Amino acid sequence: MLGVRARATDLARRAWMRVVLTGVLSVDAHRRMELAYRLRDPWKARTPREQVRFAETTRFITEHVGGHIANTLEIGCGEGHQSEHLSRMTDHLTGLDVSRTAIERARRRVPSATFDEGQLMDQPWANERGRFDLVTACEVLYYVRDKKRLLEAMDRVGRHCVVTWYGPANRVCEAAALSMPAVARKSVHHEGMSWVMTYWKGEAGRG
């Protein structure tokens, strides 16, 4: 009986997310992102698959930036699942997300961090060169209309920049990310899933 109920719940969840995400790619559909958070953990961040992604992202950051970072900006922090991992390697973490509900949950999950609702370009410090030692945007580019503008803003405020995406989204994400200076790229595979991770030095980090 429990198995039937769990399958029914999962089917309903999938149907809801399909409705919410229809037409969302690359259009800055912030209100639909808020709708997604009517579900708890809409992106299934607690699953073993996503935990592998978080661990691999941490490994990738350590390889390129180091294991201890003074301050980090996480763009698209969602409910704070990846924030938990980032907070272990930085003295201070700032998270941004367009969903108020997600921000409220992230604050409860990682109370030591600072979380704000909004976009990078709308922040009062968005033109402050090298404000953060690391800026990340993981699984975010799909939903942004002007990807180049976002990446250039990251390049400006971050000494080091990391962007990741789900492998099959190369068509949507790759050209913009690889247009940044001297990008290092890595593909990660796990149980039939793949992700792409990219790193470059931000403007202030290039000297």
C-alpha atoms as a PDB file:
ATOM      1  CA  MET A   1       0.000   0.000   0.000  1.00  0.00           C
ATOM      2  CA  LEU A   2       2.803   2.386   0.906  1.00  0.00           C
ATOM      3  CA  GLY A   3       4.533   1.619  -2.384  1.00  0.00           C
ATOM      4  CA  VAL A   4       1.406   2.507  -4.361  1.00  0.00           C
ATOM      5  CA  ARG A   5       0.980   5.718  -2.392  1.00  0.00           C
ATOM      6  CA  ALA A   6       4.632   6.681  -2.911  1.00  0.00           C
ATOM      7  CA  ARG A   7       4.379   6.088  -6.666  1.00  0.00           C
ATOM      8  CA  ALA A   8       1.175   8.120  -6.851  1.00  0.00           C
ATOM      9  CA  THR A   9       2.840  10.962  -4.935  1.00  0.00           C
ATOM     10  CA  ASP A  10       5.857  10.869  -7.237  1.00  0.00           C
ATOM     11  CA  LEU A  11       3.654  10.940 -10.349  1.00  0.00           C
ATOM     12  CA  ALA A  12       1.735  13.928  -8.991  1.00  0.00           C
ATOM     13  CA  ARG A  13       4.995  15.673  -8.168  1.00  0.00           C
ATOM     14  CA  ARG A  14       6.369  15.108 -11.659  1.00  0.00           C
ATOM     15  CA  ALA A  15       3.156  16.352 -13.247  1.00  0.00           C
ATOM     16  CA  TRP A  16       3.259  19.523 -11.147  1.00  0.00           C
ATOM     17  CA  MET A  17       6.897  20.254 -12.048  1.00  0.00           C
ATOM     18  CA  ARG A  18       6.184  19.683 -15.754  1.00  0.00           C
ATOM     19  CA  VAL A  19       3.394  22.264 -15.587  1.00  0.00           C
ATOM     20  CA  VAL A  20       5.499  24.731 -13.592  1.00  0.00           C
ATOM     21  CA  LEU A  21       8.555  24.456 -15.866  1.00  0.00           C
ATOM     22  CA  THR A  22       6.732  24.547 -19.205  1.00  0.00           C
ATOM     23  CA  GLY A  23       8.147  27.485 -21.139  1.00  0.00           C
ATOM     24  CA  VAL A  24      10.501  28.487 -18.329  1.00  0.00           C
ATOM     25  CA  LEU A  25      13.849  27.956 -20.068  1.00  0.00           C
ATOM     26  CA  SER A  26      15.749  31.172 -20.755  1.00  0.00           C
ATOM     27  CA  VAL A  27      12.847  33.544 -20.034  1.00  0.00           C
ATOM     28  CA  ASP A  28      13.480  34.763 -16.449  1.00  0.00           C
ATOM     29  CA  ALA A  29      10.172  33.250 -15.303  1.00  0.00           C
ATOM     30  CA  HIS A  30      10.647  34.100 -11.641  1.00  0.00           C
ATOM     31  CA  ARG A  31       7.018  33.648 -10.643  1.00  0.00           C
ATOM     32  CA  ARG A  32       7.099  30.073 -11.930  1.00  0.00           C
ATOM     33  CA  MET A  33      10.206  29.406  -9.867  1.00  0.00           C
ATOM     34  CA  GLU A  34       8.221  30.448  -6.806  1.00  0.00           C
ATOM     35  CA  LEU A  35       5.462  28.020  -7.820  1.00  0.00           C
ATOM     36  CA  ALA A  36       8.000  25.187  -7.911  1.00  0.00           C
ATOM     37  CA  TYR A  37       8.624  25.713  -4.197  1.00  0.00           C
ATOM     38  CA  ARG A  38       5.059  24.846  -3.315  1.00  0.00           C
ATOM     39  CA  LEU A  39       6.705  21.442  -3.188  1.00  0.00           C
ATOM     40  CA  ARG A  40       9.313  20.630  -0.586  1.00  0.00           C
ATOM     41  CA  ASP A  41      12.646  19.873  -2.251  1.00  0.00           C
ATOM     42  CA  PRO A  42      11.291  20.346  -5.810  1.00  0.00           C
ATOM     43  CA  TRP A  43      14.667  19.495  -7.399  1.00  0.00           C
ATOM     44  CA  LYS A  44      15.119  16.309  -5.308  1.00  0.00           C
ATOM     45  CA  ALA A  45      18.310  17.603  -3.746  1.00  0.00           C
ATOM     46  CA  ARG A  46      18.218  14.914  -1.055  1.00  0.00           C
ATOM     47  CA  THR A  47      18.570  12.069  -3.564  1.00  0.00           C
ATOM     48  CA  PRO A  48      21.885  10.156  -3.822  1.00  0.00           C
ATOM     49  CA  ARG A  49      22.271  11.489  -7.385  1.00  0.00           C
ATOM     50  CA  GLU A  50      22.204  15.124  -6.278  1.00  0.00           C
ATOM     51  CA  GLN A  51      24.423  14.402  -3.293  1.00  0.00           C
ATOM     52  CA  VAL A  52      27.010  13.056  -5.734  1.00  0.00           C
ATOM     53  CA  ARG A  53      26.725  16.275  -7.736  1.00  0.00           C
ATOM     54  CA  PHE A  54      27.248  18.378  -4.614  1.00  0.00           C
ATOM     55  CA  ALA A  55      30.322  16.347  -3.649  1.00  0.00           C
ATOM     56  CA  GLU A  56      31.785  16.551  -7.151  1.00  0.00           C
ATOM     57  CA  THR A  57      31.166  20.306  -7.266  1.00  0.00           C
ATOM     58  CA  THR A  58      32.999  20.683  -3.953  1.00  0.00           C
ATOM     59  CA  ARG A  59      35.863  18.612  -5.338  1.00  0.00           C
ATOM     60  CA  PHE A  60      35.976  20.736  -8.496  1.00  0.00           C
ATOM     61  CA  ILE A  61      36.063  23.964  -6.493  1.00  0.00           C
ATOM     62  CA  THR A  62      38.837  22.610  -4.258  1.00  0.00           C
ATOM     63  CA  GLU A  63      40.905  21.650  -7.313  1.00  0.00           C
ATOM     64  CA  HIS A  64      40.722  25.157  -8.790  1.00  0.00           C
ATOM     65  CA  VAL A  65      40.268  27.517  -5.854  1.00  0.00           C
ATOM     66  CA  GLY A  66      41.384  25.608  -2.759  1.00  0.00           C
ATOM     67  CA  GLY A  67      39.702  24.076   0.255  1.00  0.00           C
ATOM     68  CA  HIS A  68      39.265  27.275   2.249  1.00  0.00           C
ATOM     69  CA  ILE A  69      37.653  30.423   0.825  1.00  0.00           C
ATOM     70  CA  ALA A  70      37.102  33.713   2.643  1.00  0.00           C
ATOM     71  CA  ASN A  71      33.751  34.658   1.097  1.00  0.00           C
ATOM     72  CA  THR A  72      31.484  33.023  -1.455  1.00  0.00           C
ATOM     73  CA  LEU A  73      28.438  34.125  -3.414  1.00  0.00           C
ATOM     74  CA  GLU A  74      26.016  31.372  -4.471  1.00  0.00           C
ATOM     75  CA  ILE A  75      23.637  32.427  -7.258  1.00  0.00           C
ATOM     76  CA  GLY A  76      20.464  30.342  -7.378  1.00  0.00           C
ATOM     77  CA  CYS A  77      20.884  28.908  -3.886  1.00  0.00           C
ATOM     78  CA  GLY A  78      17.367  27.437  -3.794  1.00  0.00           C
ATOM     79  CA  GLU A  79      16.500  25.868  -0.439  1.00  0.00           C
ATOM     80  CA  GLY A  80      20.149  25.812   0.623  1.00  0.00           C
ATOM     81  CA  HIS A  81      21.054  22.187  -0.086  1.00  0.00           C
ATOM     82  CA  GLN A  82      24.271  23.011  -1.924  1.00  0.00           C
ATOM     83  CA  SER A  83      24.762  25.924   0.468  1.00  0.00           C
ATOM     84  CA  GLU A  84      25.367  23.380   3.234  1.00  0.00           C
ATOM     85  CA  HIS A  85      28.355  22.042   1.303  1.00  0.00           C
ATOM     86  CA  LEU A  86      29.675  25.483   0.340  1.00  0.00           C
ATOM     87  CA  SER A  87      29.366  26.770   3.904  1.00  0.00           C
ATOM     88  CA  ARG A  88      31.860  24.133   5.076  1.00  0.00           C
ATOM     89  CA  MET A  89      34.593  25.570   2.854  1.00  0.00           C
ATOM     90  CA  THR A  90      34.028  29.322   3.218  1.00  0.00           C
ATOM     91  CA  ASP A  91      34.163  31.786   6.105  1.00  0.00           C
ATOM     92  CA  HIS A  92      31.069  33.589   4.884  1.00  0.00           C
ATOM     93  CA  LEU A  93      28.451  32.482   2.356  1.00  0.00           C
ATOM     94  CA  THR A  94      25.925  34.768   0.655  1.00  0.00           C
ATOM     95  CA  GLY A  95      23.096  33.104  -1.266  1.00  0.00           C
ATOM     96  CA  LEU A  96      20.757  34.684  -3.812  1.00  0.00           C
ATOM     97  CA  ASP A  97      17.543  33.270  -5.264  1.00  0.00           C
ATOM     98  CA  VAL A  98      14.487  34.705  -7.008  1.00  0.00           C
ATOM     99  CA  SER A  99      12.126  32.624  -4.834  1.00  0.00           C
ATOM    100  CA  ARG A 100      11.158  34.056  -1.454  1.00  0.00           C
ATOM    101  CA  THR A 101      10.025  30.628  -0.255  1.00  0.00           C
ATOM    102  CA  ALA A 102      13.359  29.071  -1.197  1.00  0.00           C
ATOM    103  CA  ILE A 103      15.248  31.822   0.631  1.00  0.00           C
ATOM    104  CA  GLU A 104      13.210  31.288   3.796  1.00  0.00           C
ATOM    105  CA  ARG A 105      14.010  27.569   3.743  1.00  0.00           C
ATOM    106  CA  ALA A 106      17.700  28.218   3.020  1.00  0.00           C
ATOM    107  CA  ARG A 107      17.912  30.516   6.045  1.00  0.00           C
ATOM    108  CA  ARG A 108      16.594  27.753   8.253  1.00  0.00           C
ATOM    109  CA  ARG A 109      18.906  25.161   6.708  1.00  0.00           C
ATOM    110  CA  VAL A 110      22.123  27.218   6.931  1.00  0.00           C
ATOM    111  CA  PRO A 111      21.614  29.898   9.613  1.00  0.00           C
ATOM    112  CA  SER A 112      25.283  30.907   9.518  1.00  0.00           C
ATOM    113  CA  ALA A 113      24.943  32.200   5.937  1.00  0.00           C
ATOM    114  CA  THR A 114      23.307  35.328   4.515  1.00  0.00           C
ATOM    115  CA  PHE A 115      20.454  34.761   2.066  1.00  0.00           C
ATOM    116  CA  ASP A 116      18.697  37.430   0.005  1.00  0.00           C
ATOM    117  CA  GLU A 117      15.885  37.360  -2.522  1.00  0.00           C
ATOM    118  CA  GLY A 118      16.708  38.765  -5.968  1.00  0.00           C
ATOM    119  CA  GLN A 119      19.086  38.680  -8.909  1.00  0.00           C
ATOM    120  CA  LEU A 120      22.794  39.456  -8.989  1.00  0.00           C
ATOM    121  CA  MET A 121      22.413  42.484 -11.269  1.00  0.00           C
ATOM    122  CA  ASP A 122      19.935  44.101  -8.852  1.00  0.00           C
ATOM    123  CA  GLN A 123      22.271  44.060  -5.852  1.00  0.00           C
ATOM    124  CA  PRO A 124      23.755  47.401  -4.708  1.00  0.00           C
ATOM    125  CA  TRP A 125      27.251  45.885  -4.934  1.00  0.00           C
ATOM    126  CA  ALA A 126      26.799  44.333  -8.410  1.00  0.00           C
ATOM    127  CA  ASN A 127      29.505  46.569  -9.920  1.00  0.00           C
ATOM    128  CA  GLU A 128      32.003  46.060  -7.115  1.00  0.00           C
ATOM    129  CA  ARG A 129      35.044  44.428  -8.688  1.00  0.00           C
ATOM    130  CA  GLY A 130      36.321  41.351  -6.844  1.00  0.00           C
ATOM    131  CA  ARG A 131      33.847  41.605  -3.950  1.00  0.00           C
ATOM    132  CA  PHE A 132      33.790  37.799  -3.533  1.00  0.00           C
ATOM    133  CA  ASP A 133      36.611  35.281  -3.642  1.00  0.00           C
ATOM    134  CA  LEU A 134      34.278  32.761  -5.299  1.00  0.00           C
ATOM    135  CA  VAL A 135      30.989  33.102  -7.183  1.00  0.00           C
ATOM    136  CA  THR A 136      29.009  29.999  -8.155  1.00  0.00           C
ATOM    137  CA  ALA A 137      25.964  29.488 -10.383  1.00  0.00           C
ATOM    138  CA  CYS A 138      25.074  25.796 -10.275  1.00  0.00           C
ATOM    139  CA  GLU A 139      22.149  24.535 -12.356  1.00  0.00           C
ATOM    140  CA  VAL A 140      21.062  28.136 -13.026  1.00  0.00           C
ATOM    141  CA  LEU A 141      21.893  29.115 -16.613  1.00  0.00           C
ATOM    142  CA  TYR A 142      18.900  27.226 -18.057  1.00  0.00           C
ATOM    143  CA  TYR A 143      16.500  29.724 -16.552  1.00  0.00           C
ATOM    144  CA  VAL A 144      18.292  32.975 -17.465  1.00  0.00           C
ATOM    145  CA  ARG A 145      17.430  34.934 -20.591  1.00  0.00           C
ATOM    146  CA  ASP A 146      20.650  36.980 -20.858  1.00  0.00           C
ATOM    147  CA  LYS A 147      23.289  34.406 -19.932  1.00  0.00           C
ATOM    148  CA  LYS A 148      26.179  36.545 -21.134  1.00  0.00           C
ATOM    149  CA  ARG A 149      25.121  39.428 -18.890  1.00  0.00           C
ATOM    150  CA  LEU A 150      24.944  37.148 -15.845  1.00  0.00           C
ATOM    151  CA  LEU A 151      28.359  35.635 -16.550  1.00  0.00           C
ATOM    152  CA  GLU A 152      29.922  39.057 -17.075  1.00  0.00           C
ATOM    153  CA  ALA A 153      28.459  40.190 -13.730  1.00  0.00           C
ATOM    154  CA  MET A 154      29.931  37.089 -12.071  1.00  0.00           C
ATOM    155  CA  ASP A 155      33.262  37.849 -13.732  1.00  0.00           C
ATOM    156  CA  ARG A 156      33.151  41.349 -12.273  1.00  0.00           C
ATOM    157  CA  VAL A 157      32.276  40.549  -8.647  1.00  0.00           C
ATOM    158  CA  GLY A 158      34.135  37.241  -8.312  1.00  0.00           C
ATOM    159  CA  ARG A 159      37.853  36.512  -8.207  1.00  0.00           C
ATOM    160  CA  HIS A 160      37.008  32.911  -9.106  1.00  0.00           C
ATOM    161  CA  CYS A 161      33.862  31.727 -10.905  1.00  0.00           C
ATOM    162  CA  VAL A 162      32.236  28.288 -11.167  1.00  0.00           C
ATOM    163  CA  VAL A 163      29.226  27.454 -13.345  1.00  0.00           C
ATOM    164  CA  THR A 164      27.683  23.991 -13.688  1.00  0.00           C
ATOM    165  CA  TRP A 165      24.790  22.482 -15.631  1.00  0.00           C
ATOM    166  CA  TYR A 166      23.106  19.202 -16.419  1.00  0.00           C
ATOM    167  CA  GLY A 167      24.908  17.559 -19.363  1.00  0.00           C
ATOM    168  CA  PRO A 168      21.987  17.385 -21.826  1.00  0.00           C
ATOM    169  CA  ALA A 169      21.607  21.183 -21.504  1.00  0.00           C
ATOM    170  CA  ASN A 170      24.862  21.828 -23.378  1.00  0.00           C
ATOM    171  CA  ARG A 171      22.921  23.377 -26.237  1.00  0.00           C
ATOM    172  CA  VAL A 172      21.473  25.970 -23.876  1.00  0.00           C
ATOM    173  CA  CYS A 173      24.495  26.688 -21.665  1.00  0.00           C
ATOM    174  CA  GLU A 174      27.811  25.777 -23.249  1.00  0.00           C
ATOM    175  CA  ALA A 175      28.382  28.614 -25.723  1.00  0.00           C
ATOM    176  CA  ALA A 176      27.846  31.316 -23.096  1.00  0.00           C
ATOM    177  CA  ALA A 177      30.007  29.666 -20.413  1.00  0.00           C
ATOM    178  CA  LEU A 178      32.885  28.801 -22.734  1.00  0.00           C
ATOM    179  CA  SER A 179      33.014  32.393 -23.993  1.00  0.00           C
ATOM    180  CA  MET A 180      34.550  33.455 -20.668  1.00  0.00           C
ATOM    181  CA  PRO A 181      38.361  33.832 -20.375  1.00  0.00           C
ATOM    182  CA  ALA A 182      40.485  30.665 -20.155  1.00  0.00           C
ATOM    183  CA  VAL A 183      37.698  28.346 -19.020  1.00  0.00           C
ATOM    184  CA  ALA A 184      38.566  24.973 -17.479  1.00  0.00           C
ATOM    185  CA  ARG A 185      35.879  22.365 -18.198  1.00  0.00           C
ATOM    186  CA  LYS A 186      35.115  18.995 -16.642  1.00  0.00           C
ATOM    187  CA  SER A 187      32.368  16.422 -17.217  1.00  0.00           C
ATOM    188  CA  VAL A 188      31.100  14.280 -14.337  1.00  0.00           C
ATOM    189  CA  HIS A 189      29.136  11.053 -14.845  1.00  0.00           C
ATOM    190  CA  HIS A 190      27.124   9.034 -12.349  1.00  0.00           C
ATOM    191  CA  GLU A 191      24.647   6.229 -13.030  1.00  0.00           C
ATOM    192  CA  GLY A 192      23.751   7.414 -16.492  1.00  0.00           C
ATOM    193  CA  MET A 193      23.603  11.106 -15.505  1.00  0.00           C
ATOM    194  CA  SER A 194      26.132  13.747 -16.515  1.00  0.00           C
ATOM    195  CA  TRP A 195      26.991  17.293 -15.486  1.00  0.00           C
ATOM    196  CA  VAL A 196      29.369  19.873 -16.888  1.00  0.00           C
ATOM    197  CA  MET A 197      31.485  21.993 -14.538  1.00  0.00           C
ATOM    198  CA  THR A 198      33.360  25.102 -15.666  1.00  0.00           C
ATOM    199  CA  TYR A 199      35.826  27.394 -13.920  1.00  0.00           C
ATOM    200  CA  TRP A 200      37.559  30.642 -14.793  1.00  0.00           C
ATOM    201  CA  LYS A 201      39.368  33.430 -12.965  1.00  0.00           C
ATOM    202  CA  GLY A 202      37.267  36.538 -12.580  1.00  0.00           C
ATOM    203  CA  GLU A 203      38.408  39.981 -13.676  1.00  0.00           C
ATOM    204  CA  ALA A 204      39.995  40.820 -10.315  1.00  0.00           C
ATOM    205  CA  GLY A 205      41.689  37.416 -10.177  1.00  0.00           C
ATOM    206  CA  ARG A 206      43.317  37.916 -13.571  1.00  0.00           C
ATOM    207  CA  GLY A 207      45.535  40.669 -12.272  1.00  0.00           C
END
